[in-house]
Amino acid sequence: MLHITGKLIGKSYRADSSVLIHLSLFSVTLRFEFTDPGNWSAAAMYQATRIFTSNLKEKMAQRFFNLVLLPRVRDDIMEYKKLNYHLYQALRKALFKPGAFMKGILIPLCEVSFEKIAADPAAAISYVF
């Protein structure tokens, strides 16, 4: 059932996306081998973010942001050198849960940026000035 649900979400964001919310083992649905969010379209990612942000508790929304949304946003920026409009909208929707957004997206982004700057002190000086 989870394979089918993941494929349906990847093709059309309206098809049975509410099934994921009602499953008692939500953490199982986030595993890549079941729903495969890497193959979801950007519009499907926006709709999933919209649904999960409004219906999940902060802890579960944070997990979704950290495990699914953040890697997708990073990959999109690395590949196209800009952010897709639907992923931008997904990040805006994620702001409706500010605690989950900070812990799931913003803090991991800052940690990676700080590690890159700390690795090369000359880059840190040129970054500041």
N, C-alpha and C. Protein backbone atom coordinates (compact mmCIF):
# COMPACT_ATOMS: atom_id res chain seq x y z
N MET A 1 0.81 -1.19 0.00
CA MET A 1 0.00 0.00 0.00
C MET A 1 0.86 1.26 0.00
N LEU A 2 1.97 1.24 0.72
CA LEU A 2 2.81 2.43 0.79
C LEU A 2 3.52 2.69 -0.53
N HIS A 3 3.90 1.63 -1.26
CA HIS A 3 4.51 1.83 -2.57
C HIS A 3 3.53 2.53 -3.50
N ILE A 4 2.30 2.09 -3.49
CA ILE A 4 1.28 2.66 -4.36
C ILE A 4 1.01 4.10 -3.97
N THR A 5 0.91 4.37 -2.67
CA THR A 5 0.66 5.73 -2.21
C THR A 5 1.80 6.66 -2.63
N GLY A 6 3.04 6.22 -2.49
CA GLY A 6 4.18 7.03 -2.90
C GLY A 6 4.17 7.33 -4.38
N LYS A 7 3.80 6.34 -5.18
CA LYS A 7 3.75 6.58 -6.62
C LYS A 7 2.62 7.52 -6.99
N LEU A 8 1.49 7.40 -6.29
CA LEU A 8 0.38 8.30 -6.56
C LEU A 8 0.72 9.73 -6.18
N ILE A 9 1.39 9.91 -5.07
CA ILE A 9 1.77 11.26 -4.66
C ILE A 9 2.78 11.83 -5.65
N GLY A 10 3.68 11.00 -6.14
CA GLY A 10 4.66 11.48 -7.10
C GLY A 10 4.04 11.94 -8.40
N LYS A 11 2.96 11.32 -8.82
CA LYS A 11 2.33 11.69 -10.09
C LYS A 11 1.30 12.79 -9.91
N SER A 12 0.51 12.70 -8.89
CA SER A 12 -0.54 13.67 -8.67
C SER A 12 -0.67 13.91 -7.18
N TYR A 13 -0.55 15.15 -6.77
CA TYR A 13 -0.55 15.44 -5.35
C TYR A 13 -1.92 15.27 -4.72
N ARG A 14 -2.99 15.16 -5.48
CA ARG A 14 -4.32 15.03 -4.90
C ARG A 14 -4.71 13.56 -4.67
N ALA A 15 -4.05 12.65 -5.30
CA ALA A 15 -4.47 11.26 -5.24
C ALA A 15 -4.04 10.59 -3.94
N ASP A 16 -4.97 10.36 -3.05
CA ASP A 16 -4.77 9.61 -1.82
C ASP A 16 -3.66 10.13 -0.92
N SER A 17 -3.39 11.42 -0.95
CA SER A 17 -2.35 11.94 -0.07
C SER A 17 -2.81 11.98 1.38
N SER A 18 -4.12 11.96 1.60
CA SER A 18 -4.62 11.97 2.99
C SER A 18 -4.42 10.63 3.68
N VAL A 19 -4.12 9.59 2.93
CA VAL A 19 -3.90 8.27 3.52
C VAL A 19 -2.68 8.29 4.43
N LEU A 20 -1.65 9.07 4.05
CA LEU A 20 -0.43 9.11 4.84
C LEU A 20 -0.65 9.67 6.24
N ILE A 21 -1.57 10.59 6.37
CA ILE A 21 -1.80 11.23 7.65
C ILE A 21 -2.44 10.26 8.64
N HIS A 22 -3.33 9.43 8.15
CA HIS A 22 -4.10 8.57 9.02
C HIS A 22 -3.38 7.27 9.41
N LEU A 23 -2.22 7.04 8.86
CA LEU A 23 -1.48 5.85 9.25
C LEU A 23 -0.88 6.05 10.64
N SER A 24 -1.00 5.02 11.45
CA SER A 24 -0.51 5.15 12.83
C SER A 24 1.01 5.20 12.89
N LEU A 25 1.67 4.61 11.94
CA LEU A 25 3.14 4.61 11.94
C LEU A 25 3.63 5.61 10.91
N PHE A 26 3.51 6.89 11.23
CA PHE A 26 3.88 7.92 10.28
C PHE A 26 5.36 7.87 9.94
N SER A 27 6.19 7.53 10.91
CA SER A 27 7.62 7.50 10.65
C SER A 27 7.98 6.46 9.60
N VAL A 28 7.19 5.41 9.48
CA VAL A 28 7.44 4.40 8.46
C VAL A 28 7.19 4.98 7.08
N THR A 29 6.20 5.86 6.96
CA THR A 29 5.88 6.42 5.65
C THR A 29 6.95 7.36 5.15
N LEU A 30 7.78 7.88 6.05
CA LEU A 30 8.83 8.79 5.62
C LEU A 30 10.05 8.05 5.05
N ARG A 31 10.12 6.78 5.24
CA ARG A 31 11.27 6.03 4.72
C ARG A 31 11.25 6.07 3.20
N PHE A 32 12.40 6.29 2.66
CA PHE A 32 12.49 6.47 1.21
C PHE A 32 12.11 5.23 0.43
N GLU A 33 12.33 4.06 0.99
CA GLU A 33 12.03 2.85 0.22
C GLU A 33 10.53 2.62 0.07
N PHE A 34 9.71 3.28 0.88
CA PHE A 34 8.27 3.07 0.79
C PHE A 34 7.59 4.11 -0.10
N THR A 35 7.69 5.37 0.25
CA THR A 35 6.96 6.39 -0.51
C THR A 35 7.82 7.08 -1.55
N ASP A 36 9.12 7.00 -1.42
CA ASP A 36 10.08 7.55 -2.37
C ASP A 36 9.83 9.03 -2.66
N PRO A 37 9.96 9.91 -1.66
CA PRO A 37 9.72 11.33 -1.89
C PRO A 37 10.73 11.97 -2.83
N GLY A 38 11.83 11.31 -3.12
CA GLY A 38 12.78 11.85 -4.08
C GLY A 38 12.22 11.94 -5.48
N ASN A 39 11.22 11.14 -5.77
CA ASN A 39 10.60 11.17 -7.09
C ASN A 39 9.33 12.01 -7.15
N TRP A 40 8.96 12.66 -6.06
CA TRP A 40 7.78 13.51 -6.07
C TRP A 40 8.08 14.77 -6.87
N SER A 41 7.09 15.27 -7.56
CA SER A 41 7.26 16.54 -8.27
C SER A 41 7.32 17.66 -7.24
N ALA A 42 7.74 18.83 -7.69
CA ALA A 42 7.83 19.97 -6.78
C ALA A 42 6.44 20.36 -6.28
N ALA A 43 5.44 20.28 -7.15
CA ALA A 43 4.07 20.59 -6.74
C ALA A 43 3.56 19.58 -5.72
N ALA A 44 3.92 18.33 -5.88
CA ALA A 44 3.52 17.31 -4.92
C ALA A 44 4.21 17.55 -3.58
N MET A 45 5.45 17.99 -3.61
CA MET A 45 6.17 18.30 -2.38
C MET A 45 5.49 19.47 -1.65
N TYR A 46 5.04 20.45 -2.40
CA TYR A 46 4.32 21.58 -1.79
C TYR A 46 3.03 21.10 -1.13
N GLN A 47 2.26 20.28 -1.83
CA GLN A 47 1.00 19.81 -1.27
C GLN A 47 1.24 18.92 -0.05
N ALA A 48 2.26 18.09 -0.10
CA ALA A 48 2.57 17.24 1.06
C ALA A 48 2.99 18.10 2.24
N THR A 49 3.79 19.13 1.99
CA THR A 49 4.19 20.04 3.06
C THR A 49 2.99 20.75 3.64
N ARG A 50 2.09 21.16 2.78
CA ARG A 50 0.88 21.85 3.24
C ARG A 50 0.05 20.94 4.14
N ILE A 51 -0.11 19.70 3.72
CA ILE A 51 -0.91 18.74 4.50
C ILE A 51 -0.23 18.40 5.81
N PHE A 52 1.07 18.09 5.75
CA PHE A 52 1.77 17.68 6.96
C PHE A 52 1.94 18.83 7.95
N THR A 53 2.13 20.04 7.45
CA THR A 53 2.29 21.18 8.35
C THR A 53 1.01 21.45 9.12
N SER A 54 -0.10 21.35 8.44
CA SER A 54 -1.36 21.68 9.11
C SER A 54 -1.88 20.55 10.00
N ASN A 55 -1.52 19.31 9.72
CA ASN A 55 -2.13 18.19 10.43
C ASN A 55 -1.22 17.46 11.41
N LEU A 56 0.06 17.74 11.39
CA LEU A 56 0.97 17.02 12.27
C LEU A 56 1.37 17.86 13.47
N LYS A 57 1.80 17.17 14.50
CA LYS A 57 2.36 17.87 15.64
C LYS A 57 3.75 18.37 15.27
N GLU A 58 4.27 19.25 16.10
CA GLU A 58 5.52 19.92 15.77
C GLU A 58 6.69 18.95 15.59
N LYS A 59 6.76 17.94 16.43
CA LYS A 59 7.87 16.97 16.37
C LYS A 59 7.87 16.20 15.04
N MET A 60 6.69 15.77 14.62
CA MET A 60 6.60 15.02 13.36
C MET A 60 6.80 15.93 12.16
N ALA A 61 6.32 17.15 12.23
CA ALA A 61 6.55 18.10 11.14
C ALA A 61 8.04 18.39 11.02
N GLN A 62 8.72 18.50 12.14
CA GLN A 62 10.17 18.72 12.11
C GLN A 62 10.88 17.57 11.41
N ARG A 63 10.46 16.35 11.69
CA ARG A 63 11.06 15.19 11.03
C ARG A 63 10.83 15.23 9.52
N PHE A 64 9.61 15.59 9.13
CA PHE A 64 9.31 15.69 7.70
C PHE A 64 10.17 16.76 7.05
N PHE A 65 10.30 17.90 7.70
CA PHE A 65 11.11 18.98 7.13
C PHE A 65 12.56 18.56 7.00
N ASN A 66 13.09 17.90 8.02
CA ASN A 66 14.50 17.53 8.04
C ASN A 66 14.82 16.37 7.11
N LEU A 67 13.95 15.38 7.04
CA LEU A 67 14.25 14.18 6.26
C LEU A 67 13.79 14.25 4.81
N VAL A 68 12.79 15.06 4.52
CA VAL A 68 12.22 15.07 3.17
C VAL A 68 12.39 16.42 2.49
N LEU A 69 11.92 17.48 3.12
CA LEU A 69 11.89 18.79 2.46
C LEU A 69 13.28 19.39 2.30
N LEU A 70 14.08 19.39 3.34
CA LEU A 70 15.41 20.00 3.28
C LEU A 70 16.32 19.36 2.23
N PRO A 71 16.43 18.03 2.17
CA PRO A 71 17.27 17.45 1.11
C PRO A 71 16.76 17.78 -0.29
N ARG A 72 15.45 17.84 -0.44
CA ARG A 72 14.88 18.17 -1.76
C ARG A 72 15.22 19.61 -2.16
N VAL A 73 15.14 20.53 -1.20
CA VAL A 73 15.47 21.93 -1.48
C VAL A 73 16.96 22.05 -1.82
N ARG A 74 17.81 21.38 -1.06
CA ARG A 74 19.25 21.42 -1.34
C ARG A 74 19.57 20.86 -2.72
N ASP A 75 18.97 19.73 -3.06
CA ASP A 75 19.22 19.12 -4.37
C ASP A 75 18.75 20.03 -5.50
N ASP A 76 17.60 20.65 -5.32
CA ASP A 76 17.07 21.53 -6.35
C ASP A 76 17.98 22.73 -6.58
N ILE A 77 18.48 23.30 -5.49
CA ILE A 77 19.39 24.44 -5.62
C ILE A 77 20.71 24.02 -6.25
N MET A 78 21.23 22.86 -5.86
CA MET A 78 22.49 22.38 -6.45
C MET A 78 22.36 22.09 -7.94
N GLU A 79 21.22 21.52 -8.32
CA GLU A 79 21.05 21.12 -9.72
C GLU A 79 20.73 22.30 -10.63
N TYR A 80 19.81 23.16 -10.23
CA TYR A 80 19.34 24.24 -11.10
C TYR A 80 19.91 25.61 -10.74
N LYS A 81 20.67 25.70 -9.67
CA LYS A 81 21.24 26.96 -9.19
C LYS A 81 20.19 27.98 -8.80
N LYS A 82 18.97 27.54 -8.60
CA LYS A 82 17.88 28.38 -8.08
C LYS A 82 16.83 27.45 -7.49
N LEU A 83 15.91 28.04 -6.77
CA LEU A 83 14.88 27.26 -6.08
C LEU A 83 13.59 27.29 -6.87
N ASN A 84 13.01 26.12 -7.05
CA ASN A 84 11.73 26.00 -7.74
C ASN A 84 10.65 26.76 -6.97
N TYR A 85 9.70 27.32 -7.72
CA TYR A 85 8.63 28.11 -7.11
C TYR A 85 7.82 27.29 -6.11
N HIS A 86 7.51 26.04 -6.46
CA HIS A 86 6.69 25.21 -5.57
C HIS A 86 7.45 24.84 -4.30
N LEU A 87 8.75 24.64 -4.41
CA LEU A 87 9.54 24.37 -3.21
C LEU A 87 9.66 25.62 -2.34
N TYR A 88 9.71 26.79 -2.98
CA TYR A 88 9.69 28.04 -2.23
C TYR A 88 8.38 28.17 -1.46
N GLN A 89 7.28 27.83 -2.13
CA GLN A 89 5.98 27.87 -1.46
C GLN A 89 5.92 26.85 -0.31
N ALA A 90 6.55 25.69 -0.50
CA ALA A 90 6.60 24.69 0.56
C ALA A 90 7.36 25.22 1.78
N LEU A 91 8.46 25.93 1.54
CA LEU A 91 9.20 26.53 2.66
C LEU A 91 8.37 27.60 3.36
N ARG A 92 7.60 28.35 2.59
CA ARG A 92 6.72 29.36 3.20
C ARG A 92 5.65 28.70 4.06
N LYS A 93 5.09 27.58 3.58
CA LYS A 93 4.09 26.86 4.37
C LYS A 93 4.72 26.26 5.62
N ALA A 94 5.96 25.85 5.51
CA ALA A 94 6.65 25.26 6.66
C ALA A 94 6.82 26.29 7.78
N LEU A 95 6.81 27.56 7.45
CA LEU A 95 6.94 28.60 8.46
C LEU A 95 5.74 28.69 9.38
N PHE A 96 4.64 28.04 9.03
CA PHE A 96 3.47 28.04 9.91
C PHE A 96 3.70 27.22 11.17
N LYS A 97 4.73 26.40 11.18
CA LYS A 97 5.17 25.71 12.39
C LYS A 97 6.59 26.22 12.68
N PRO A 98 6.70 27.37 13.34
CA PRO A 98 8.01 28.01 13.47
C PRO A 98 9.06 27.18 14.21
N GLY A 99 8.65 26.47 15.26
CA GLY A 99 9.61 25.65 16.00
C GLY A 99 10.16 24.52 15.15
N ALA A 100 9.27 23.86 14.42
CA ALA A 100 9.69 22.77 13.54
C ALA A 100 10.54 23.29 12.39
N PHE A 101 10.20 24.47 11.89
CA PHE A 101 10.98 25.07 10.80
C PHE A 101 12.40 25.37 11.26
N MET A 102 12.51 25.96 12.46
CA MET A 102 13.84 26.31 12.97
C MET A 102 14.69 25.07 13.20
N LYS A 103 14.11 24.05 13.85
CA LYS A 103 14.87 22.85 14.18
C LYS A 103 15.07 21.93 12.98
N GLY A 104 14.14 21.92 12.04
CA GLY A 104 14.22 20.98 10.93
C GLY A 104 14.89 21.51 9.69
N ILE A 105 14.88 22.84 9.50
CA ILE A 105 15.43 23.41 8.27
C ILE A 105 16.52 24.44 8.56
N LEU A 106 16.21 25.43 9.35
CA LEU A 106 17.13 26.55 9.52
C LEU A 106 18.41 26.18 10.26
N ILE A 107 18.31 25.48 11.37
CA ILE A 107 19.50 25.11 12.14
C ILE A 107 20.41 24.16 11.35
N PRO A 108 19.87 23.11 10.68
CA PRO A 108 20.77 22.29 9.86
C PRO A 108 21.45 23.06 8.73
N LEU A 109 20.76 24.04 8.15
CA LEU A 109 21.39 24.86 7.11
C LEU A 109 22.51 25.71 7.69
N CYS A 110 22.31 26.26 8.86
CA CYS A 110 23.34 27.08 9.51
C CYS A 110 24.54 26.24 9.92
N GLU A 111 24.30 25.02 10.37
CA GLU A 111 25.41 24.15 10.76
C GLU A 111 26.31 23.84 9.58
N VAL A 112 25.73 23.56 8.45
CA VAL A 112 26.52 23.25 7.25
C VAL A 112 27.30 24.47 6.81
N SER A 113 26.67 25.64 6.82
CA SER A 113 27.35 26.87 6.42
C SER A 113 28.50 27.18 7.36
N PHE A 114 28.29 27.00 8.66
CA PHE A 114 29.34 27.27 9.63
C PHE A 114 30.51 26.31 9.44
N GLU A 115 30.24 25.05 9.16
CA GLU A 115 31.31 24.08 8.95
C GLU A 115 32.15 24.45 7.73
N LYS A 116 31.51 24.93 6.68
CA LYS A 116 32.25 25.32 5.48
C LYS A 116 33.14 26.52 5.76
N ILE A 117 32.63 27.48 6.52
CA ILE A 117 33.42 28.67 6.83
C ILE A 117 34.55 28.33 7.79
N ALA A 118 34.28 27.48 8.79
CA ALA A 118 35.30 27.13 9.78
C ALA A 118 36.41 26.28 9.17
N ALA A 119 36.13 25.57 8.09
CA ALA A 119 37.13 24.72 7.47
C ALA A 119 38.23 25.56 6.80
N ASP A 120 37.91 26.75 6.32
CA ASP A 120 38.87 27.59 5.64
C ASP A 120 38.82 28.99 6.25
N PRO A 121 39.76 29.32 7.13
CA PRO A 121 39.72 30.63 7.78
C PRO A 121 39.83 31.80 6.79
N ALA A 122 40.56 31.62 5.70
CA ALA A 122 40.68 32.70 4.70
C ALA A 122 39.30 32.97 4.07
N ALA A 123 38.53 31.91 3.89
CA ALA A 123 37.19 32.09 3.34
C ALA A 123 36.31 32.83 4.33
N ALA A 124 36.53 32.57 5.62
CA ALA A 124 35.73 33.25 6.64
C ALA A 124 36.01 34.74 6.63
N ILE A 125 37.28 35.13 6.45
CA ILE A 125 37.62 36.54 6.42
C ILE A 125 37.03 37.21 5.19
N SER A 126 37.15 36.56 4.04
CA SER A 126 36.59 37.13 2.82
C SER A 126 35.06 37.13 2.86
N TYR A 127 34.48 36.19 3.59
CA TYR A 127 33.03 36.12 3.72
C TYR A 127 32.50 37.30 4.54
N VAL A 128 33.23 37.65 5.60
CA VAL A 128 32.81 38.74 6.47
C VAL A 128 33.00 40.09 5.78
N PHE A 129 34.11 40.26 5.06
CA PHE A 129 34.38 41.54 4.42
C PHE A 129 33.96 41.45 3.00
